[in-house]
PDB file of N, CA and C in Angstrom:
ATOM      1  N   UNK A   1      12.044  13.443  -2.590  1.00  0.00           N
ATOM      2  CA  UNK A   1      11.851  14.528  -1.635  1.00  0.00           C
ATOM      3  C   UNK A   1      11.690  13.943  -0.239  1.00  0.00           C
ATOM      4  N   UNK A   2      12.409  14.479   0.710  1.00  0.00           N
ATOM      5  CA  UNK A   2      12.305  13.975   2.077  1.00  0.00           C
ATOM      6  C   UNK A   2      11.098  14.608   2.780  1.00  0.00           C
ATOM      7  N   UNK A   3      10.731  13.994   3.857  1.00  0.00           N
ATOM      8  CA  UNK A   3       9.595  14.443   4.642  1.00  0.00           C
ATOM      9  C   UNK A   3      10.049  15.488   5.658  1.00  0.00           C
ATOM     10  N   UNK A   4       9.117  16.322   6.071  1.00  0.00           N
ATOM     11  CA  UNK A   4       9.370  17.327   7.091  1.00  0.00           C
ATOM     12  C   UNK A   4       8.773  16.828   8.410  1.00  0.00           C
ATOM     13  N   UNK A   5       9.480  17.023   9.502  1.00  0.00           N
ATOM     14  CA  UNK A   5       8.998  16.626  10.824  1.00  0.00           C
ATOM     15  C   UNK A   5       8.729  17.883  11.643  1.00  0.00           C
ATOM     16  N   UNK A   6       7.526  17.955  12.204  1.00  0.00           N
ATOM     17  CA  UNK A   6       7.146  19.069  13.067  1.00  0.00           C
ATOM     18  C   UNK A   6       6.740  18.524  14.429  1.00  0.00           C
ATOM     19  N   UNK A   7       6.959  19.310  15.455  1.00  0.00           N
ATOM     20  CA  UNK A   7       6.618  18.924  16.827  1.00  0.00           C
ATOM     21  C   UNK A   7       5.546  19.854  17.374  1.00  0.00           C
ATOM     22  N   UNK A   8       4.526  19.287  17.992  1.00  0.00           N
ATOM     23  CA  UNK A   8       3.549  20.082  18.739  1.00  0.00           C
ATOM     24  C   UNK A   8       4.274  20.634  19.975  1.00  0.00           C
ATOM     25  N   UNK A   9       3.959  21.844  20.420  1.00  0.00           N
ATOM     26  CA  UNK A   9       4.673  22.421  21.571  1.00  0.00           C
ATOM     27  C   UNK A   9       4.648  21.553  22.831  1.00  0.00           C
ATOM     28  N   UNK A  10       3.532  20.887  23.103  1.00  0.00           N
ATOM     29  CA  UNK A  10       3.474  20.033  24.298  1.00  0.00           C
ATOM     30  C   UNK A  10       4.375  18.811  24.150  1.00  0.00           C
ATOM     31  N   UNK A  11       4.473  18.288  22.941  1.00  0.00           N
ATOM     32  CA  UNK A  11       5.364  17.152  22.708  1.00  0.00           C
ATOM     33  C   UNK A  11       6.817  17.581  22.902  1.00  0.00           C
ATOM     34  N   UNK A  12       7.144  18.769  22.455  1.00  0.00           N
ATOM     35  CA  UNK A  12       8.498  19.301  22.643  1.00  0.00           C
ATOM     36  C   UNK A  12       8.804  19.487  24.127  1.00  0.00           C
ATOM     37  N   UNK A  13       7.817  19.968  24.866  1.00  0.00           N
ATOM     38  CA  UNK A  13       8.000  20.169  26.309  1.00  0.00           C
ATOM     39  C   UNK A  13       8.285  18.836  26.999  1.00  0.00           C
ATOM     40  N   UNK A  14       7.543  17.790  26.632  1.00  0.00           N
ATOM     41  CA  UNK A  14       7.783  16.473  27.221  1.00  0.00           C
ATOM     42  C   UNK A  14       9.173  15.956  26.869  1.00  0.00           C
ATOM     43  N   UNK A  15       9.588  16.167  25.630  1.00  0.00           N
ATOM     44  CA  UNK A  15      10.911  15.720  25.198  1.00  0.00           C
ATOM     45  C   UNK A  15      12.012  16.435  25.979  1.00  0.00           C
ATOM     46  N   UNK A  16      11.860  17.732  26.167  1.00  0.00           N
ATOM     47  CA  UNK A  16      12.885  18.517  26.858  1.00  0.00           C
ATOM     48  C   UNK A  16      13.039  18.136  28.329  1.00  0.00           C
ATOM     49  N   UNK A  17      12.021  17.511  28.902  1.00  0.00           N
ATOM     50  CA  UNK A  17      12.086  17.142  30.320  1.00  0.00           C
ATOM     51  C   UNK A  17      12.796  15.805  30.557  1.00  0.00           C
ATOM     52  N   UNK A  18      13.189  15.122  29.489  1.00  0.00           N
ATOM     53  CA  UNK A  18      13.816  13.804  29.617  1.00  0.00           C
ATOM     54  C   UNK A  18      15.326  13.910  29.834  1.00  0.00           C
ATOM     55  N   UNK A  19      15.930  12.856  30.387  1.00  0.00           N
ATOM     56  CA  UNK A  19      17.391  12.828  30.512  1.00  0.00           C
ATOM     57  C   UNK A  19      18.052  12.908  29.130  1.00  0.00           C
ATOM     58  N   UNK A  20      19.247  13.495  29.041  1.00  0.00           N
ATOM     59  CA  UNK A  20      19.908  13.712  27.749  1.00  0.00           C
ATOM     60  C   UNK A  20      20.103  12.450  26.905  1.00  0.00           C
ATOM     61  N   UNK A  21      20.425  11.315  27.526  1.00  0.00           N
ATOM     62  CA  UNK A  21      20.665  10.106  26.732  1.00  0.00           C
ATOM     63  C   UNK A  21      19.386   9.593  26.079  1.00  0.00           C
ATOM     64  N   UNK A  22      18.272   9.663  26.786  1.00  0.00           N
ATOM     65  CA  UNK A  22      16.994   9.226  26.215  1.00  0.00           C
ATOM     66  C   UNK A  22      16.544  10.212  25.146  1.00  0.00           C
ATOM     67  N   UNK A  23      16.716  11.493  25.420  1.00  0.00           N
ATOM     68  CA  UNK A  23      16.343  12.533  24.458  1.00  0.00           C
ATOM     69  C   UNK A  23      17.101  12.351  23.142  1.00  0.00           C
ATOM     70  N   UNK A  24      18.390  12.076  23.227  1.00  0.00           N
ATOM     71  CA  UNK A  24      19.204  11.873  22.022  1.00  0.00           C
ATOM     72  C   UNK A  24      18.724  10.655  21.229  1.00  0.00           C
ATOM     73  N   UNK A  25      18.406   9.587  21.922  1.00  0.00           N
ATOM     74  CA  UNK A  25      17.915   8.372  21.257  1.00  0.00           C
ATOM     75  C   UNK A  25      16.610   8.644  20.509  1.00  0.00           C
ATOM     76  N   UNK A  26      15.730   9.412  21.131  1.00  0.00           N
ATOM     77  CA  UNK A  26      14.447   9.746  20.517  1.00  0.00           C
ATOM     78  C   UNK A  26      14.660  10.641  19.303  1.00  0.00           C
ATOM     79  N   UNK A  27      15.525  11.631  19.422  1.00  0.00           N
ATOM     80  CA  UNK A  27      15.782  12.540  18.303  1.00  0.00           C
ATOM     81  C   UNK A  27      16.363  11.797  17.104  1.00  0.00           C
ATOM     82  N   UNK A  28      17.221  10.815  17.349  1.00  0.00           N
ATOM     83  CA  UNK A  28      17.780  10.024  16.242  1.00  0.00           C
ATOM     84  C   UNK A  28      16.691   9.241  15.525  1.00  0.00           C
ATOM     85  N   UNK A  29      15.767   8.640  16.289  1.00  0.00           N
ATOM     86  CA  UNK A  29      14.691   7.863  15.677  1.00  0.00           C
ATOM     87  C   UNK A  29      13.747   8.771  14.891  1.00  0.00           C
ATOM     88  N   UNK A  30      13.451   9.934  15.439  1.00  0.00           N
ATOM     89  CA  UNK A  30      12.566  10.875  14.753  1.00  0.00           C
ATOM     90  C   UNK A  30      13.218  11.363  13.466  1.00  0.00           C
ATOM     91  N   UNK A  31      14.530  11.567  13.455  1.00  0.00           N
ATOM     92  CA  UNK A  31      15.228  11.974  12.232  1.00  0.00           C
ATOM     93  C   UNK A  31      15.075  10.939  11.124  1.00  0.00           C
ATOM     94  N   UNK A  32      14.975   9.678  11.484  1.00  0.00           N
ATOM     95  CA  UNK A  32      14.795   8.630  10.485  1.00  0.00           C
ATOM     96  C   UNK A  32      13.437   8.718   9.799  1.00  0.00           C
ATOM     97  N   UNK A  33      12.473   9.381  10.438  1.00  0.00           N
ATOM     98  CA  UNK A  33      11.157   9.554   9.822  1.00  0.00           C
ATOM     99  C   UNK A  33      11.240  10.387   8.547  1.00  0.00           C
ATOM    100  N   UNK A  34      12.250  11.236   8.445  1.00  0.00           N
ATOM    101  CA  UNK A  34      12.400  12.095   7.270  1.00  0.00           C
ATOM    102  C   UNK A  34      12.667  11.292   6.005  1.00  0.00           C
ATOM    103  N   UNK A  35      13.264  10.129   6.149  1.00  0.00           N
ATOM    104  CA  UNK A  35      13.595   9.295   4.995  1.00  0.00           C
ATOM    105  C   UNK A  35      12.385   8.512   4.498  1.00  0.00           C
ATOM    106  N   UNK A  36      11.755   7.775   5.393  1.00  0.00           N
ATOM    107  CA  UNK A  36      10.617   6.939   5.022  1.00  0.00           C
ATOM    108  C   UNK A  36       9.764   6.693   6.264  1.00  0.00           C
ATOM    109  N   UNK A  37       8.841   7.600   6.574  1.00  0.00           N
ATOM    110  CA  UNK A  37       8.100   7.476   7.829  1.00  0.00           C
ATOM    111  C   UNK A  37       7.239   6.220   7.918  1.00  0.00           C
ATOM    112  N   UNK A  38       6.712   5.760   6.824  1.00  0.00           N
ATOM    113  CA  UNK A  38       5.809   4.611   6.884  1.00  0.00           C
ATOM    114  C   UNK A  38       6.529   3.327   7.265  1.00  0.00           C
ATOM    115  N   UNK A  39       7.824   3.290   7.114  1.00  0.00           N
ATOM    116  CA  UNK A  39       8.590   2.120   7.531  1.00  0.00           C
ATOM    117  C   UNK A  39       8.586   1.981   9.055  1.00  0.00           C
ATOM    118  N   UNK A  40       8.569   3.104   9.756  1.00  0.00           N
ATOM    119  CA  UNK A  40       8.687   3.108  11.212  1.00  0.00           C
ATOM    120  C   UNK A  40       7.354   3.234  11.941  1.00  0.00           C
ATOM    121  N   UNK A  41       6.317   3.687  11.253  1.00  0.00           N
ATOM    122  CA  UNK A  41       5.049   3.982  11.910  1.00  0.00           C
ATOM    123  C   UNK A  41       4.056   2.842  11.782  1.00  0.00           C
ATOM    124  N   UNK A  42       3.213   2.715  12.806  1.00  0.00           N
ATOM    125  CA  UNK A  42       2.095   1.781  12.784  1.00  0.00           C
ATOM    126  C   UNK A  42       0.833   2.598  13.010  1.00  0.00           C
ATOM    127  N   UNK A  43      -0.262   2.197  12.339  1.00  0.00           N
ATOM    128  CA  UNK A  43      -1.522   2.902  12.547  1.00  0.00           C
ATOM    129  C   UNK A  43      -2.032   2.605  13.947  1.00  0.00           C
ATOM    130  N   UNK A  44      -2.453   3.641  14.647  1.00  0.00           N
ATOM    131  CA  UNK A  44      -3.003   3.471  15.990  1.00  0.00           C
ATOM    132  C   UNK A  44      -4.508   3.301  15.864  1.00  0.00           C
ATOM    133  N   UNK A  45      -4.994   2.119  16.193  1.00  0.00           N
ATOM    134  CA  UNK A  45      -6.422   1.841  16.075  1.00  0.00           C
ATOM    135  C   UNK A  45      -7.192   2.617  17.132  1.00  0.00           C
ATOM    136  N   UNK A  46      -8.313   3.157  16.719  1.00  0.00           N
ATOM    137  CA  UNK A  46      -9.148   3.914  17.637  1.00  0.00           C
ATOM    138  C   UNK A  46      -8.968   5.415  17.504  1.00  0.00           C
ATOM    139  N   UNK A  47      -8.036   5.843  16.698  1.00  0.00           N
ATOM    140  CA  UNK A  47      -7.802   7.279  16.482  1.00  0.00           C
ATOM    141  C   UNK A  47      -7.141   7.454  15.116  1.00  0.00           C
ATOM    142  N   UNK A  48      -7.160   8.669  14.629  1.00  0.00           N
ATOM    143  CA  UNK A  48      -6.546   8.959  13.328  1.00  0.00           C
ATOM    144  C   UNK A  48      -5.079   9.338  13.491  1.00  0.00           C
ATOM    145  N   UNK A  49      -4.365   8.546  14.237  1.00  0.00           N
ATOM    146  CA  UNK A  49      -2.945   8.774  14.465  1.00  0.00           C
ATOM    147  C   UNK A  49      -2.140   7.557  14.035  1.00  0.00           C
ATOM    148  N   UNK A  50      -0.865   7.801  13.866  1.00  0.00           N
ATOM    149  CA  UNK A  50       0.103   6.720  13.741  1.00  0.00           C
ATOM    150  C   UNK A  50       0.933   6.749  15.012  1.00  0.00           C
ATOM    151  N   UNK A  51       1.505   5.606  15.372  1.00  0.00           N
ATOM    152  CA  UNK A  51       2.338   5.582  16.572  1.00  0.00           C
ATOM    153  C   UNK A  51       3.759   5.190  16.211  1.00  0.00           C
ATOM    154  N   UNK A  52       4.676   5.743  16.964  1.00  0.00           N
ATOM    155  CA  UNK A  52       6.093   5.450  16.815  1.00  0.00           C
ATOM    156  C   UNK A  52       6.596   4.942  18.155  1.00  0.00           C
ATOM    157  N   UNK A  53       7.167   3.755  18.154  1.00  0.00           N
ATOM    158  CA  UNK A  53       7.731   3.169  19.369  1.00  0.00           C
ATOM    159  C   UNK A  53       9.213   3.511  19.451  1.00  0.00           C
ATOM    160  N   UNK A  54       9.613   4.018  20.615  1.00  0.00           N
ATOM    161  CA  UNK A  54      11.018   4.331  20.866  1.00  0.00           C
ATOM    162  C   UNK A  54      11.320   3.840  22.279  1.00  0.00           C
ATOM    163  N   UNK A  55      11.702   2.586  22.398  1.00  0.00           N
ATOM    164  CA  UNK A  55      11.927   2.006  23.722  1.00  0.00           C
ATOM    165  C   UNK A  55      10.647   2.020  24.532  1.00  0.00           C
ATOM    166  N   UNK A  56      10.696   2.633  25.708  1.00  0.00           N
ATOM    167  CA  UNK A  56       9.525   2.720  26.579  1.00  0.00           C
ATOM    168  C   UNK A  56       8.667   3.942  26.283  1.00  0.00           C
ATOM    169  N   UNK A  57       8.996   4.688  25.253  1.00  0.00           N
ATOM    170  CA  UNK A  57       8.266   5.905  24.917  1.00  0.00           C
ATOM    171  C   UNK A  57       7.486   5.719  23.621  1.00  0.00           C
ATOM    172  N   UNK A  58       6.417   6.515  23.490  1.00  0.00           N
ATOM    173  CA  UNK A  58       5.586   6.466  22.302  1.00  0.00           C
ATOM    174  C   UNK A  58       5.316   7.889  21.835  1.00  0.00           C
ATOM    175  N   UNK A  59       5.175   8.016  20.517  1.00  0.00           N
ATOM    176  CA  UNK A  59       4.756   9.278  19.927  1.00  0.00           C
ATOM    177  C   UNK A  59       3.528   8.989  19.079  1.00  0.00           C
ATOM    178  N   UNK A  60       2.510   9.825  19.202  1.00  0.00           N
ATOM    179  CA  UNK A  60       1.340   9.736  18.337  1.00  0.00           C
ATOM    180  C   UNK A  60       1.466  10.848  17.311  1.00  0.00           C
ATOM    181  N   UNK A  61       1.299  10.468  16.052  1.00  0.00           N
ATOM    182  CA  UNK A  61       1.724  11.318  14.945  1.00  0.00           C
ATOM    183  C   UNK A  61       0.625  11.466  13.906  1.00  0.00           C
ATOM    184  N   UNK A  62       0.453  12.694  13.413  1.00  0.00           N
ATOM    185  CA  UNK A  62      -0.384  12.971  12.243  1.00  0.00           C
ATOM    186  C   UNK A  62       0.512  12.910  11.018  1.00  0.00           C
ATOM    187  N   UNK A  63       0.001  12.322   9.949  1.00  0.00           N
ATOM    188  CA  UNK A  63       0.775  12.247   8.710  1.00  0.00           C
ATOM    189  C   UNK A  63      -0.002  12.959   7.609  1.00  0.00           C
ATOM    190  N   UNK A  64       0.605  13.966   7.011  1.00  0.00           N
ATOM    191  CA  UNK A  64       0.030  14.690   5.878  1.00  0.00           C
ATOM    192  C   UNK A  64       0.738  14.186   4.622  1.00  0.00           C
ATOM    193  N   UNK A  65       0.095  13.248   3.940  1.00  0.00           N
ATOM    194  CA  UNK A  65       0.714  12.613   2.777  1.00  0.00           C
ATOM    195  C   UNK A  65       0.884  13.583   1.614  1.00  0.00           C
ATOM    196  N   UNK A  66      -0.039  14.480   1.442  1.00  0.00           N
ATOM    197  CA  UNK A  66       0.011  15.415   0.319  1.00  0.00           C
ATOM    198  C   UNK A  66       1.226  16.335   0.413  1.00  0.00           C
ATOM    199  N   UNK A  67       1.463  16.877   1.610  1.00  0.00           N
ATOM    200  CA  UNK A  67       2.560  17.826   1.797  1.00  0.00           C
ATOM    201  C   UNK A  67       3.824  17.190   2.365  1.00  0.00           C
ATOM    202  N   UNK A  68       3.774  15.885   2.593  1.00  0.00           N
ATOM    203  CA  UNK A  68       4.900  15.131   3.156  1.00  0.00           C
ATOM    204  C   UNK A  68       5.381  15.742   4.474  1.00  0.00           C
ATOM    205  N   UNK A  69       4.415  15.858   5.405  1.00  0.00           N
ATOM    206  CA  UNK A  69       4.708  16.395   6.730  1.00  0.00           C
ATOM    207  C   UNK A  69       4.275  15.377   7.776  1.00  0.00           C
ATOM    208  N   UNK A  70       5.165  15.127   8.722  1.00  0.00           N
ATOM    209  CA  UNK A  70       4.886  14.262   9.862  1.00  0.00           C
ATOM    210  C   UNK A  70       4.879  15.172  11.085  1.00  0.00           C
ATOM    211  N   UNK A  71       3.735  15.223  11.798  1.00  0.00           N
ATOM    212  CA  UNK A  71       3.642  16.103  12.968  1.00  0.00           C
ATOM    213  C   UNK A  71       3.451  15.268  14.226  1.00  0.00           C
ATOM    214  N   UNK A  72       4.395  15.395  15.136  1.00  0.00           N
ATOM    215  CA  UNK A  72       4.334  14.674  16.402  1.00  0.00           C
ATOM    216  C   UNK A  72       3.403  15.452  17.323  1.00  0.00           C
ATOM    217  N   UNK A  73       2.234  14.865  17.578  1.00  0.00           N
ATOM    218  CA  UNK A  73       1.202  15.531  18.371  1.00  0.00           C
ATOM    219  C   UNK A  73       1.382  15.314  19.869  1.00  0.00           C
ATOM    220  N   UNK A  74       1.620  14.062  20.250  1.00  0.00           N
ATOM    221  CA  UNK A  74       1.713  13.701  21.660  1.00  0.00           C
ATOM    222  C   UNK A  74       2.932  12.812  21.829  1.00  0.00           C
ATOM    223  N   UNK A  75       3.671  13.051  22.899  1.00  0.00           N
ATOM    224  CA  UNK A  75       4.850  12.245  23.172  1.00  0.00           C
ATOM    225  C   UNK A  75       4.947  12.028  24.669  1.00  0.00           C
ATOM    226  N   UNK A  76       5.078  10.754  25.081  1.00  0.00           N
ATOM    227  CA  UNK A  76       5.182  10.474  26.512  1.00  0.00           C
ATOM    228  C   UNK A  76       5.569   9.015  26.719  1.00  0.00           C
ATOM    229  N   UNK A  77       5.727   8.631  27.981  1.00  0.00           N
ATOM    230  CA  UNK A  77       6.024   7.249  28.347  1.00  0.00           C
ATOM    231  C   UNK A  77       4.834   6.372  27.969  1.00  0.00           C
ATOM    232  N   UNK A  78       5.087   5.123  27.650  1.00  0.00           N
ATOM    233  CA  UNK A  78       4.029   4.232  27.178  1.00  0.00           C
ATOM    234  C   UNK A  78       2.928   4.014  28.210  1.00  0.00           C
ATOM    235  N   UNK A  79       3.226   4.186  29.500  1.00  0.00           N
ATOM    236  CA  UNK A  79       2.200   4.035  30.533  1.00  0.00           C
ATOM    237  C   UNK A  79       1.225   5.205  30.572  1.00  0.00           C
ATOM    238  N   UNK A  80       1.628   6.354  30.025  1.00  0.00           N
ATOM    239  CA  UNK A  80       0.802   7.558  30.119  1.00  0.00           C
ATOM    240  C   UNK A  80       0.247   8.034  28.788  1.00  0.00           C
ATOM    241  N   UNK A  81       0.836   7.646  27.692  1.00  0.00           N
ATOM    242  CA  UNK A  81       0.515   8.263  26.399  1.00  0.00           C
ATOM    243  C   UNK A  81      -0.948   8.114  25.997  1.00  0.00           C
ATOM    244  N   UNK A  82      -1.500   6.934  26.163  1.00  0.00           N
ATOM    245  CA  UNK A  82      -2.847   6.681  25.669  1.00  0.00           C
ATOM    246  C   UNK A  82      -3.908   7.306  26.565  1.00  0.00           C
ATOM    247  N   UNK A  83      -3.559   7.656  27.781  1.00  0.00           N
ATOM    248  CA  UNK A  83      -4.482   8.342  28.682  1.00  0.00           C
ATOM    249  C   UNK A  83      -4.624   9.807  28.290  1.00  0.00           C
ATOM    250  N   UNK A  84      -3.690  10.302  27.516  1.00  0.00           N
ATOM    251  CA  UNK A  84      -3.677  11.723  27.147  1.00  0.00           C
ATOM    252  C   UNK A  84      -4.572  12.042  25.965  1.00  0.00           C
ATOM    253  N   UNK A  85      -5.133  11.020  25.336  1.00  0.00           N
ATOM    254  CA  UNK A  85      -5.993  11.266  24.169  1.00  0.00           C
ATOM    255  C   UNK A  85      -7.346  11.783  24.572  1.00  0.00           C
TER     256      UNK A  85
END
């Protein structure tokens, strides 16, 4: 069974504000989470999130192992992402 990916509305808003080429690259990487999210994610120390690196951008993600849902909570440039917590 594949995993489901959900986006928090603010994360979607940040994604939509990016140039099309960067947005496409991010969407491709996020699609790979559906196959095996733990291969791509690292635990973010200091919070109950996992992080996904996509070039200069980061996503902080909640993982629901029971229901196989990956929810992208926060998405932004690496210089700003950790200030948003």
